[in-house]
């Protein structure tokens, strides 16, 4: 995890430094107003020359580094490493303020752009939370979906077309597909006779998905299919409609994308936009 933090630092430092340190650049922070009795003050994670580093800012920065990984996977040493990074950013930002860098046109432009991006992202998240599709919307989208087929297929993966052609002849000659897969396939699925289970073609690389769609139940590809992984012999075991619950996330994303695009188009219609590129 330590190495992960070190690698991620180079990717997020510029954005994080601007985002988290806007308050650090400029006038010193004033003491916070006393919190309401029912809302206790959350202590900062550190104070740098009188400027507190808010705990919420630290948590957001840490989550950005983890990229979806659970906080429980982070050790105390790693949390301290992240805090040291933030302290360094605050020190550098304070020096930037002393050097008058916030007045540099390029820096000011980047800060203004990042502020706009943050506000736009916050508005988008607010819209999504306030306009989640109903079950009725989701069921209607499911019924209207034209590509909700799931495929149950097996495959044999080999490194060359010549090897695949040899195996196809062997299967056409009467050898069982699953036996050939166990003996010859280089894919981990070989232990299951090449069985890949149920999937949608969206989960597969395009040549593989296209080949599966062209098969009938029980058929296998008479010509090997090439992908970046090698050469495949594919057998279609069965098809079915994907269950509603399994497609719910995909349907939700599709509906929200359409709603949000309509929302943006509505904003455009009510705005005066002059393009001057």
C-alpha atoms as a PDB file:
ATOM      1  CA  UNK A   1       0.000   0.000   0.000  1.00  0.00           C
ATOM      2  CA  UNK A   2       2.904   2.358   0.691  1.00  0.00           C
ATOM      3  CA  UNK A   3       4.114   2.014  -2.893  1.00  0.00           C
ATOM      4  CA  UNK A   4       0.542   2.642  -4.074  1.00  0.00           C
ATOM      5  CA  UNK A   5       0.410   5.957  -2.213  1.00  0.00           C
ATOM      6  CA  UNK A   6       3.769   6.993  -3.651  1.00  0.00           C
ATOM      7  CA  UNK A   7       2.616   6.294  -7.208  1.00  0.00           C
ATOM      8  CA  UNK A   8      -0.733   7.997  -6.772  1.00  0.00           C
ATOM      9  CA  UNK A   9       0.882  11.096  -5.302  1.00  0.00           C
ATOM     10  CA  UNK A  10       2.361  12.064  -8.647  1.00  0.00           C
ATOM     11  CA  UNK A  11      -1.061  11.806 -10.310  1.00  0.00           C
ATOM     12  CA  UNK A  12      -3.184  13.715  -7.848  1.00  0.00           C
ATOM     13  CA  UNK A  13      -0.775  16.164  -6.264  1.00  0.00           C
ATOM     14  CA  UNK A  14      -1.444  19.059  -8.633  1.00  0.00           C
ATOM     15  CA  UNK A  15      -5.225  18.826  -8.424  1.00  0.00           C
ATOM     16  CA  UNK A  16      -5.236  18.054  -4.731  1.00  0.00           C
ATOM     17  CA  UNK A  17      -2.860  20.880  -3.932  1.00  0.00           C
ATOM     18  CA  UNK A  18      -5.189  23.383  -5.592  1.00  0.00           C
ATOM     19  CA  UNK A  19      -8.406  21.821  -4.327  1.00  0.00           C
ATOM     20  CA  UNK A  20      -7.427  21.285  -0.733  1.00  0.00           C
ATOM     21  CA  UNK A  21      -5.238  24.308  -0.306  1.00  0.00           C
ATOM     22  CA  UNK A  22      -7.363  27.139  -1.661  1.00  0.00           C
ATOM     23  CA  UNK A  23      -7.951  28.064   1.926  1.00  0.00           C
ATOM     24  CA  UNK A  24      -4.251  27.914   2.662  1.00  0.00           C
ATOM     25  CA  UNK A  25      -3.414  30.437  -0.058  1.00  0.00           C
ATOM     26  CA  UNK A  26      -4.449  33.944   0.873  1.00  0.00           C
ATOM     27  CA  UNK A  27      -5.379  35.410   4.207  1.00  0.00           C
ATOM     28  CA  UNK A  28      -4.718  33.357   7.331  1.00  0.00           C
ATOM     29  CA  UNK A  29      -7.768  31.425   8.444  1.00  0.00           C
ATOM     30  CA  UNK A  30      -9.832  32.945  11.193  1.00  0.00           C
ATOM     31  CA  UNK A  31     -10.848  30.929  14.201  1.00  0.00           C
ATOM     32  CA  UNK A  32     -13.980  28.927  13.528  1.00  0.00           C
ATOM     33  CA  UNK A  33     -17.214  30.075  15.092  1.00  0.00           C
ATOM     34  CA  UNK A  34     -18.333  27.983  18.071  1.00  0.00           C
ATOM     35  CA  UNK A  35     -20.362  24.987  16.935  1.00  0.00           C
ATOM     36  CA  UNK A  36     -23.921  24.418  18.060  1.00  0.00           C
ATOM     37  CA  UNK A  37     -24.194  22.384  21.261  1.00  0.00           C
ATOM     38  CA  UNK A  38     -25.556  19.375  19.373  1.00  0.00           C
ATOM     39  CA  UNK A  39     -22.811  19.497  16.757  1.00  0.00           C
ATOM     40  CA  UNK A  40     -19.380  19.061  18.383  1.00  0.00           C
ATOM     41  CA  UNK A  41     -16.310  20.524  16.704  1.00  0.00           C
ATOM     42  CA  UNK A  42     -14.337  17.998  14.670  1.00  0.00           C
ATOM     43  CA  UNK A  43     -10.657  18.528  15.463  1.00  0.00           C
ATOM     44  CA  UNK A  44      -8.298  19.011  12.502  1.00  0.00           C
ATOM     45  CA  UNK A  45      -5.818  16.301  11.624  1.00  0.00           C
ATOM     46  CA  UNK A  46      -2.954  18.810  11.862  1.00  0.00           C
ATOM     47  CA  UNK A  47      -2.244  22.537  12.175  1.00  0.00           C
ATOM     48  CA  UNK A  48       0.445  24.085   9.952  1.00  0.00           C
ATOM     49  CA  UNK A  49       1.622  27.541  11.069  1.00  0.00           C
ATOM     50  CA  UNK A  50      -1.823  28.229  12.503  1.00  0.00           C
ATOM     51  CA  UNK A  51      -3.740  26.859   9.483  1.00  0.00           C
ATOM     52  CA  UNK A  52      -5.769  23.739  10.353  1.00  0.00           C
ATOM     53  CA  UNK A  53      -6.012  20.816   7.964  1.00  0.00           C
ATOM     54  CA  UNK A  54      -9.691  19.795   8.216  1.00  0.00           C
ATOM     55  CA  UNK A  55     -10.378  16.152   8.900  1.00  0.00           C
ATOM     56  CA  UNK A  56     -12.943  16.066   6.078  1.00  0.00           C
ATOM     57  CA  UNK A  57     -10.320  17.315   3.614  1.00  0.00           C
ATOM     58  CA  UNK A  58      -7.918  14.633   4.806  1.00  0.00           C
ATOM     59  CA  UNK A  59     -10.566  11.918   4.418  1.00  0.00           C
ATOM     60  CA  UNK A  60     -11.465  13.096   0.915  1.00  0.00           C
ATOM     61  CA  UNK A  61      -7.819  13.128  -0.116  1.00  0.00           C
ATOM     62  CA  UNK A  62      -7.278   9.643   1.317  1.00  0.00           C
ATOM     63  CA  UNK A  63     -10.343   8.282  -0.491  1.00  0.00           C
ATOM     64  CA  UNK A  64      -9.038   9.768  -3.732  1.00  0.00           C
ATOM     65  CA  UNK A  65      -5.785   7.878  -3.311  1.00  0.00           C
ATOM     66  CA  UNK A  66      -7.579   4.616  -2.523  1.00  0.00           C
ATOM     67  CA  UNK A  67      -9.804   4.853  -5.641  1.00  0.00           C
ATOM     68  CA  UNK A  68     -12.626   2.803  -4.143  1.00  0.00           C
ATOM     69  CA  UNK A  69     -10.542   0.536  -1.918  1.00  0.00           C
ATOM     70  CA  UNK A  70     -11.864   0.209   1.652  1.00  0.00           C
ATOM     71  CA  UNK A  71     -10.386   2.439   4.341  1.00  0.00           C
ATOM     72  CA  UNK A  72     -10.018  -0.640   6.544  1.00  0.00           C
ATOM     73  CA  UNK A  73      -7.151  -1.763   4.296  1.00  0.00           C
ATOM     74  CA  UNK A  74      -5.068   1.289   5.264  1.00  0.00           C
ATOM     75  CA  UNK A  75      -2.593   0.880   8.104  1.00  0.00           C
ATOM     76  CA  UNK A  76      -1.780   3.556  10.686  1.00  0.00           C
ATOM     77  CA  UNK A  77       1.634   4.108   9.085  1.00  0.00           C
ATOM     78  CA  UNK A  78       0.033   4.646   5.686  1.00  0.00           C
ATOM     79  CA  UNK A  79      -2.457   7.122   7.121  1.00  0.00           C
ATOM     80  CA  UNK A  80       0.441   9.046   8.629  1.00  0.00           C
ATOM     81  CA  UNK A  81       2.211   8.980   5.273  1.00  0.00           C
ATOM     82  CA  UNK A  82      -0.823  10.594   3.642  1.00  0.00           C
ATOM     83  CA  UNK A  83      -0.973  13.195   6.416  1.00  0.00           C
ATOM     84  CA  UNK A  84       2.696  14.033   5.840  1.00  0.00           C
ATOM     85  CA  UNK A  85       1.916  14.551   2.147  1.00  0.00           C
ATOM     86  CA  UNK A  86      -0.872  16.972   3.033  1.00  0.00           C
ATOM     87  CA  UNK A  87       1.337  18.855   5.469  1.00  0.00           C
ATOM     88  CA  UNK A  88       3.915  19.220   2.694  1.00  0.00           C
ATOM     89  CA  UNK A  89       1.219  20.577   0.376  1.00  0.00           C
ATOM     90  CA  UNK A  90       0.111  23.139   2.948  1.00  0.00           C
ATOM     91  CA  UNK A  91       3.703  24.263   3.483  1.00  0.00           C
ATOM     92  CA  UNK A  92       4.297  24.600  -0.268  1.00  0.00           C
ATOM     93  CA  UNK A  93       0.983  26.422  -0.748  1.00  0.00           C
ATOM     94  CA  UNK A  94       1.838  28.851   2.033  1.00  0.00           C
ATOM     95  CA  UNK A  95       5.179  29.558   0.389  1.00  0.00           C
ATOM     96  CA  UNK A  96       3.394  30.038  -2.947  1.00  0.00           C
ATOM     97  CA  UNK A  97       1.195  32.671  -1.311  1.00  0.00           C
ATOM     98  CA  UNK A  98       4.257  34.437   0.088  1.00  0.00           C
ATOM     99  CA  UNK A  99       5.801  34.412  -3.388  1.00  0.00           C
ATOM    100  CA  UNK A 100       2.638  35.919  -4.870  1.00  0.00           C
ATOM    101  CA  UNK A 101       2.036  32.958  -7.182  1.00  0.00           C
ATOM    102  CA  UNK A 102      -1.729  33.231  -6.801  1.00  0.00           C
ATOM    103  CA  UNK A 103      -1.454  36.395  -8.908  1.00  0.00           C
ATOM    104  CA  UNK A 104       0.267  34.555 -11.736  1.00  0.00           C
ATOM    105  CA  UNK A 105      -2.237  34.468 -14.659  1.00  0.00           C
ATOM    106  CA  UNK A 106      -1.660  30.786 -15.407  1.00  0.00           C
ATOM    107  CA  UNK A 107      -2.093  29.753 -11.767  1.00  0.00           C
ATOM    108  CA  UNK A 108      -5.208  31.917 -11.378  1.00  0.00           C
ATOM    109  CA  UNK A 109      -6.701  30.377 -14.520  1.00  0.00           C
ATOM    110  CA  UNK A 110      -6.094  26.839 -13.275  1.00  0.00           C
ATOM    111  CA  UNK A 111      -7.594  27.604  -9.869  1.00  0.00           C
ATOM    112  CA  UNK A 112     -10.663  29.165 -11.489  1.00  0.00           C
ATOM    113  CA  UNK A 113     -11.089  26.186 -13.822  1.00  0.00           C
ATOM    114  CA  UNK A 114     -10.779  23.692 -10.973  1.00  0.00           C
ATOM    115  CA  UNK A 115     -13.339  25.638  -8.945  1.00  0.00           C
ATOM    116  CA  UNK A 116     -15.744  25.421 -11.885  1.00  0.00           C
ATOM    117  CA  UNK A 117     -15.132  21.678 -12.218  1.00  0.00           C
ATOM    118  CA  UNK A 118     -15.765  21.085  -8.527  1.00  0.00           C
ATOM    119  CA  UNK A 119     -19.000  23.077  -8.585  1.00  0.00           C
ATOM    120  CA  UNK A 120     -20.173  21.299 -11.741  1.00  0.00           C
ATOM    121  CA  UNK A 121     -19.432  17.928 -10.176  1.00  0.00           C
ATOM    122  CA  UNK A 122     -21.316  18.874  -7.002  1.00  0.00           C
ATOM    123  CA  UNK A 123     -24.313  20.018  -9.062  1.00  0.00           C
ATOM    124  CA  UNK A 124     -24.271  16.784 -11.062  1.00  0.00           C
ATOM    125  CA  UNK A 125     -24.188  14.670  -7.910  1.00  0.00           C
ATOM    126  CA  UNK A 126     -27.050  16.673  -6.427  1.00  0.00           C
ATOM    127  CA  UNK A 127     -29.110  16.192  -9.593  1.00  0.00           C
ATOM    128  CA  UNK A 128     -28.457  12.438  -9.663  1.00  0.00           C
ATOM    129  CA  UNK A 129     -29.453  12.009  -6.003  1.00  0.00           C
ATOM    130  CA  UNK A 130     -32.630  14.022  -6.541  1.00  0.00           C
ATOM    131  CA  UNK A 131     -33.694  12.226  -9.732  1.00  0.00           C
ATOM    132  CA  UNK A 132     -33.076   8.545  -9.139  1.00  0.00           C
ATOM    133  CA  UNK A 133     -35.285   6.409 -11.403  1.00  0.00           C
ATOM    134  CA  UNK A 134     -38.309   4.688  -9.876  1.00  0.00           C
ATOM    135  CA  UNK A 135     -38.877   0.940 -10.056  1.00  0.00           C
ATOM    136  CA  UNK A 136     -41.522   1.674 -12.678  1.00  0.00           C
ATOM    137  CA  UNK A 137     -38.924   3.530 -14.791  1.00  0.00           C
ATOM    138  CA  UNK A 138     -36.441   0.666 -14.415  1.00  0.00           C
ATOM    139  CA  UNK A 139     -38.967  -2.039 -15.337  1.00  0.00           C
ATOM    140  CA  UNK A 140     -40.061  -0.016 -18.363  1.00  0.00           C
ATOM    141  CA  UNK A 141     -36.434   0.316 -19.471  1.00  0.00           C
ATOM    142  CA  UNK A 142     -35.903  -3.419 -18.945  1.00  0.00           C
ATOM    143  CA  UNK A 143     -38.957  -4.298 -21.055  1.00  0.00           C
ATOM    144  CA  UNK A 144     -37.786  -1.912 -23.801  1.00  0.00           C
ATOM    145  CA  UNK A 145     -34.164  -3.120 -23.811  1.00  0.00           C
ATOM    146  CA  UNK A 146     -33.226  -4.662 -27.146  1.00  0.00           C
ATOM    147  CA  UNK A 147     -29.991  -6.281 -25.971  1.00  0.00           C
ATOM    148  CA  UNK A 148     -30.521  -8.067 -22.693  1.00  0.00           C
ATOM    149  CA  UNK A 149     -29.452 -11.514 -23.853  1.00  0.00           C
ATOM    150  CA  UNK A 150     -27.065 -13.466 -21.683  1.00  0.00           C
ATOM    151  CA  UNK A 151     -24.891 -16.157 -23.183  1.00  0.00           C
ATOM    152  CA  UNK A 152     -23.534 -19.319 -21.619  1.00  0.00           C
ATOM    153  CA  UNK A 153     -20.438 -20.316 -23.552  1.00  0.00           C
ATOM    154  CA  UNK A 154     -17.230 -22.287 -23.339  1.00  0.00           C
ATOM    155  CA  UNK A 155     -13.978 -21.641 -25.142  1.00  0.00           C
ATOM    156  CA  UNK A 156     -10.535 -22.980 -25.875  1.00  0.00           C
ATOM    157  CA  UNK A 157      -7.714 -20.443 -25.999  1.00  0.00           C
ATOM    158  CA  UNK A 158      -4.452 -21.181 -27.809  1.00  0.00           C
ATOM    159  CA  UNK A 159      -1.563 -18.952 -28.952  1.00  0.00           C
ATOM    160  CA  UNK A 160      -1.676 -19.616 -32.726  1.00  0.00           C
ATOM    161  CA  UNK A 161      -4.247 -20.026 -35.500  1.00  0.00           C
ATOM    162  CA  UNK A 162      -2.543 -23.210 -36.652  1.00  0.00           C
ATOM    163  CA  UNK A 163      -3.053 -24.805 -33.235  1.00  0.00           C
ATOM    164  CA  UNK A 164      -6.678 -23.662 -33.166  1.00  0.00           C
ATOM    165  CA  UNK A 165      -7.311 -25.133 -36.632  1.00  0.00           C
ATOM    166  CA  UNK A 166      -5.861 -28.462 -35.483  1.00  0.00           C
ATOM    167  CA  UNK A 167      -8.151 -28.558 -32.460  1.00  0.00           C
ATOM    168  CA  UNK A 168     -11.217 -27.632 -34.519  1.00  0.00           C
ATOM    169  CA  UNK A 169     -10.516 -30.626 -36.776  1.00  0.00           C
ATOM    170  CA  UNK A 170     -10.147 -32.785 -33.679  1.00  0.00           C
ATOM    171  CA  UNK A 171     -13.526 -31.664 -32.293  1.00  0.00           C
ATOM    172  CA  UNK A 172     -15.199 -32.091 -35.690  1.00  0.00           C
ATOM    173  CA  UNK A 173     -13.769 -35.611 -35.679  1.00  0.00           C
ATOM    174  CA  UNK A 174     -15.651 -36.496 -32.511  1.00  0.00           C
ATOM    175  CA  UNK A 175     -13.494 -35.285 -29.604  1.00  0.00           C
ATOM    176  CA  UNK A 176     -15.473 -33.715 -26.756  1.00  0.00           C
ATOM    177  CA  UNK A 177     -15.101 -29.938 -26.552  1.00  0.00           C
ATOM    178  CA  UNK A 178     -14.608 -29.926 -22.778  1.00  0.00           C
ATOM    179  CA  UNK A 179     -11.937 -32.640 -22.962  1.00  0.00           C
ATOM    180  CA  UNK A 180      -9.976 -30.710 -25.571  1.00  0.00           C
ATOM    181  CA  UNK A 181     -10.297 -27.561 -23.468  1.00  0.00           C
ATOM    182  CA  UNK A 182      -8.931 -29.310 -20.378  1.00  0.00           C
ATOM    183  CA  UNK A 183      -6.004 -30.708 -22.336  1.00  0.00           C
ATOM    184  CA  UNK A 184      -5.099 -27.817 -24.629  1.00  0.00           C
ATOM    185  CA  UNK A 185      -6.511 -24.450 -23.498  1.00  0.00           C
ATOM    186  CA  UNK A 186      -4.153 -21.884 -21.994  1.00  0.00           C
ATOM    187  CA  UNK A 187      -7.014 -20.076 -20.187  1.00  0.00           C
ATOM    188  CA  UNK A 188      -7.820 -20.603 -16.504  1.00  0.00           C
ATOM    189  CA  UNK A 189     -11.264 -21.848 -17.550  1.00  0.00           C
ATOM    190  CA  UNK A 190      -9.613 -25.065 -18.793  1.00  0.00           C
ATOM    191  CA  UNK A 191     -10.173 -26.649 -15.361  1.00  0.00           C
ATOM    192  CA  UNK A 192     -13.921 -26.331 -16.025  1.00  0.00           C
ATOM    193  CA  UNK A 193     -13.696 -27.617 -19.569  1.00  0.00           C
ATOM    194  CA  UNK A 194     -13.532 -24.050 -20.895  1.00  0.00           C
ATOM    195  CA  UNK A 195     -16.856 -23.076 -19.291  1.00  0.00           C
ATOM    196  CA  UNK A 196     -17.168 -19.275 -18.950  1.00  0.00           C
ATOM    197  CA  UNK A 197     -20.573 -19.266 -17.287  1.00  0.00           C
ATOM    198  CA  UNK A 198     -23.217 -16.650 -18.111  1.00  0.00           C
ATOM    199  CA  UNK A 199     -22.235 -13.254 -19.495  1.00  0.00           C
ATOM    200  CA  UNK A 200     -23.411 -10.429 -21.737  1.00  0.00           C
ATOM    201  CA  UNK A 201     -21.421  -9.615 -24.851  1.00  0.00           C
ATOM    202  CA  UNK A 202     -20.718  -6.151 -23.408  1.00  0.00           C
ATOM    203  CA  UNK A 203     -18.359  -7.852 -20.937  1.00  0.00           C
ATOM    204  CA  UNK A 204     -16.341  -9.470 -23.717  1.00  0.00           C
ATOM    205  CA  UNK A 205     -13.937  -8.020 -26.272  1.00  0.00           C
ATOM    206  CA  UNK A 206     -15.771  -7.270 -29.520  1.00  0.00           C
ATOM    207  CA  UNK A 207     -14.486 -10.118 -31.744  1.00  0.00           C
ATOM    208  CA  UNK A 208     -15.409 -12.642 -29.043  1.00  0.00           C
ATOM    209  CA  UNK A 209     -18.844 -11.099 -28.465  1.00  0.00           C
ATOM    210  CA  UNK A 210     -19.603 -10.897 -32.178  1.00  0.00           C
ATOM    211  CA  UNK A 211     -18.682 -14.565 -32.642  1.00  0.00           C
ATOM    212  CA  UNK A 212     -20.933 -15.656 -29.769  1.00  0.00           C
ATOM    213  CA  UNK A 213     -23.876 -13.744 -31.238  1.00  0.00           C
ATOM    214  CA  UNK A 214     -23.421 -15.599 -34.528  1.00  0.00           C
ATOM    215  CA  UNK A 215     -23.717 -19.066 -32.971  1.00  0.00           C
ATOM    216  CA  UNK A 216     -26.758 -21.238 -32.333  1.00  0.00           C
ATOM    217  CA  UNK A 217     -27.132 -23.326 -29.207  1.00  0.00           C
ATOM    218  CA  UNK A 218     -24.700 -26.262 -29.319  1.00  0.00           C
ATOM    219  CA  UNK A 219     -22.610 -24.825 -32.177  1.00  0.00           C
ATOM    220  CA  UNK A 220     -18.925 -23.907 -32.015  1.00  0.00           C
ATOM    221  CA  UNK A 221     -16.863 -21.600 -34.239  1.00  0.00           C
ATOM    222  CA  UNK A 222     -15.535 -23.451 -37.297  1.00  0.00           C
ATOM    223  CA  UNK A 223     -13.016 -20.651 -37.818  1.00  0.00           C
ATOM    224  CA  UNK A 224     -10.854 -19.578 -34.846  1.00  0.00           C
ATOM    225  CA  UNK A 225     -11.556 -16.120 -33.417  1.00  0.00           C
ATOM    226  CA  UNK A 226      -8.604 -13.819 -32.800  1.00  0.00           C
ATOM    227  CA  UNK A 227      -8.454 -11.357 -29.890  1.00  0.00           C
ATOM    228  CA  UNK A 228      -5.560  -9.692 -28.094  1.00  0.00           C
ATOM    229  CA  UNK A 229      -5.413 -12.782 -25.854  1.00  0.00           C
ATOM    230  CA  UNK A 230      -4.839 -15.293 -28.632  1.00  0.00           C
ATOM    231  CA  UNK A 231      -7.029 -17.566 -30.771  1.00  0.00           C
ATOM    232  CA  UNK A 232     -10.367 -18.854 -29.476  1.00  0.00           C
ATOM    233  CA  UNK A 233     -12.621 -21.756 -30.331  1.00  0.00           C
ATOM    234  CA  UNK A 234     -16.009 -20.803 -28.883  1.00  0.00           C
ATOM    235  CA  UNK A 235     -18.998 -23.036 -28.164  1.00  0.00           C
ATOM    236  CA  UNK A 236     -22.422 -21.617 -27.316  1.00  0.00           C
ATOM    237  CA  UNK A 237     -24.106 -23.643 -24.578  1.00  0.00           C
ATOM    238  CA  UNK A 238     -27.316 -21.645 -24.076  1.00  0.00           C
ATOM    239  CA  UNK A 239     -28.950 -18.191 -24.052  1.00  0.00           C
ATOM    240  CA  UNK A 240     -31.445 -16.427 -21.814  1.00  0.00           C
ATOM    241  CA  UNK A 241     -32.723 -12.960 -20.926  1.00  0.00           C
ATOM    242  CA  UNK A 242     -30.592 -11.400 -18.196  1.00  0.00           C
ATOM    243  CA  UNK A 243     -32.572 -11.172 -14.915  1.00  0.00           C
ATOM    244  CA  UNK A 244     -33.962  -7.731 -14.050  1.00  0.00           C
ATOM    245  CA  UNK A 245     -32.023  -7.508 -10.774  1.00  0.00           C
ATOM    246  CA  UNK A 246     -28.791  -8.231 -12.599  1.00  0.00           C
ATOM    247  CA  UNK A 247     -29.414  -5.449 -15.124  1.00  0.00           C
ATOM    248  CA  UNK A 248     -30.677  -2.918 -12.583  1.00  0.00           C
ATOM    249  CA  UNK A 249     -27.368  -1.060 -12.270  1.00  0.00           C
ATOM    250  CA  UNK A 250     -26.891  -0.871 -16.036  1.00  0.00           C
ATOM    251  CA  UNK A 251     -30.490   0.325 -16.510  1.00  0.00           C
ATOM    252  CA  UNK A 252     -30.085   2.950 -13.785  1.00  0.00           C
ATOM    253  CA  UNK A 253     -26.946   4.326 -15.437  1.00  0.00           C
ATOM    254  CA  UNK A 254     -28.647   4.485 -18.822  1.00  0.00           C
ATOM    255  CA  UNK A 255     -31.688   6.315 -17.494  1.00  0.00           C
ATOM    256  CA  UNK A 256     -29.615   8.780 -15.483  1.00  0.00           C
ATOM    257  CA  UNK A 257     -27.351   9.550 -18.434  1.00  0.00           C
ATOM    258  CA  UNK A 258     -30.403  10.378 -20.534  1.00  0.00           C
ATOM    259  CA  UNK A 259     -31.984  12.467 -17.761  1.00  0.00           C
ATOM    260  CA  UNK A 260     -28.807  14.393 -17.077  1.00  0.00           C
ATOM    261  CA  UNK A 261     -28.202  15.059 -20.760  1.00  0.00           C
ATOM    262  CA  UNK A 262     -31.753  16.425 -21.014  1.00  0.00           C
ATOM    263  CA  UNK A 263     -31.077  18.548 -17.926  1.00  0.00           C
ATOM    264  CA  UNK A 264     -27.952  20.017 -19.543  1.00  0.00           C
ATOM    265  CA  UNK A 265     -29.824  20.698 -22.778  1.00  0.00           C
ATOM    266  CA  UNK A 266     -32.464  22.555 -20.741  1.00  0.00           C
ATOM    267  CA  UNK A 267     -29.764  24.705 -19.153  1.00  0.00           C
ATOM    268  CA  UNK A 268     -28.363  25.485 -22.590  1.00  0.00           C
ATOM    269  CA  UNK A 269     -31.750  26.604 -23.897  1.00  0.00           C
ATOM    270  CA  UNK A 270     -32.191  29.069 -21.052  1.00  0.00           C
ATOM    271  CA  UNK A 271     -28.648  30.415 -21.293  1.00  0.00           C
ATOM    272  CA  UNK A 272     -27.048  32.917 -23.635  1.00  0.00           C
ATOM    273  CA  UNK A 273     -24.033  31.141 -25.134  1.00  0.00           C
ATOM    274  CA  UNK A 274     -21.568  32.822 -27.479  1.00  0.00           C
ATOM    275  CA  UNK A 275     -18.828  30.615 -28.877  1.00  0.00           C
ATOM    276  CA  UNK A 276     -15.637  32.540 -29.676  1.00  0.00           C
ATOM    277  CA  UNK A 277     -13.015  29.848 -30.098  1.00  0.00           C
END
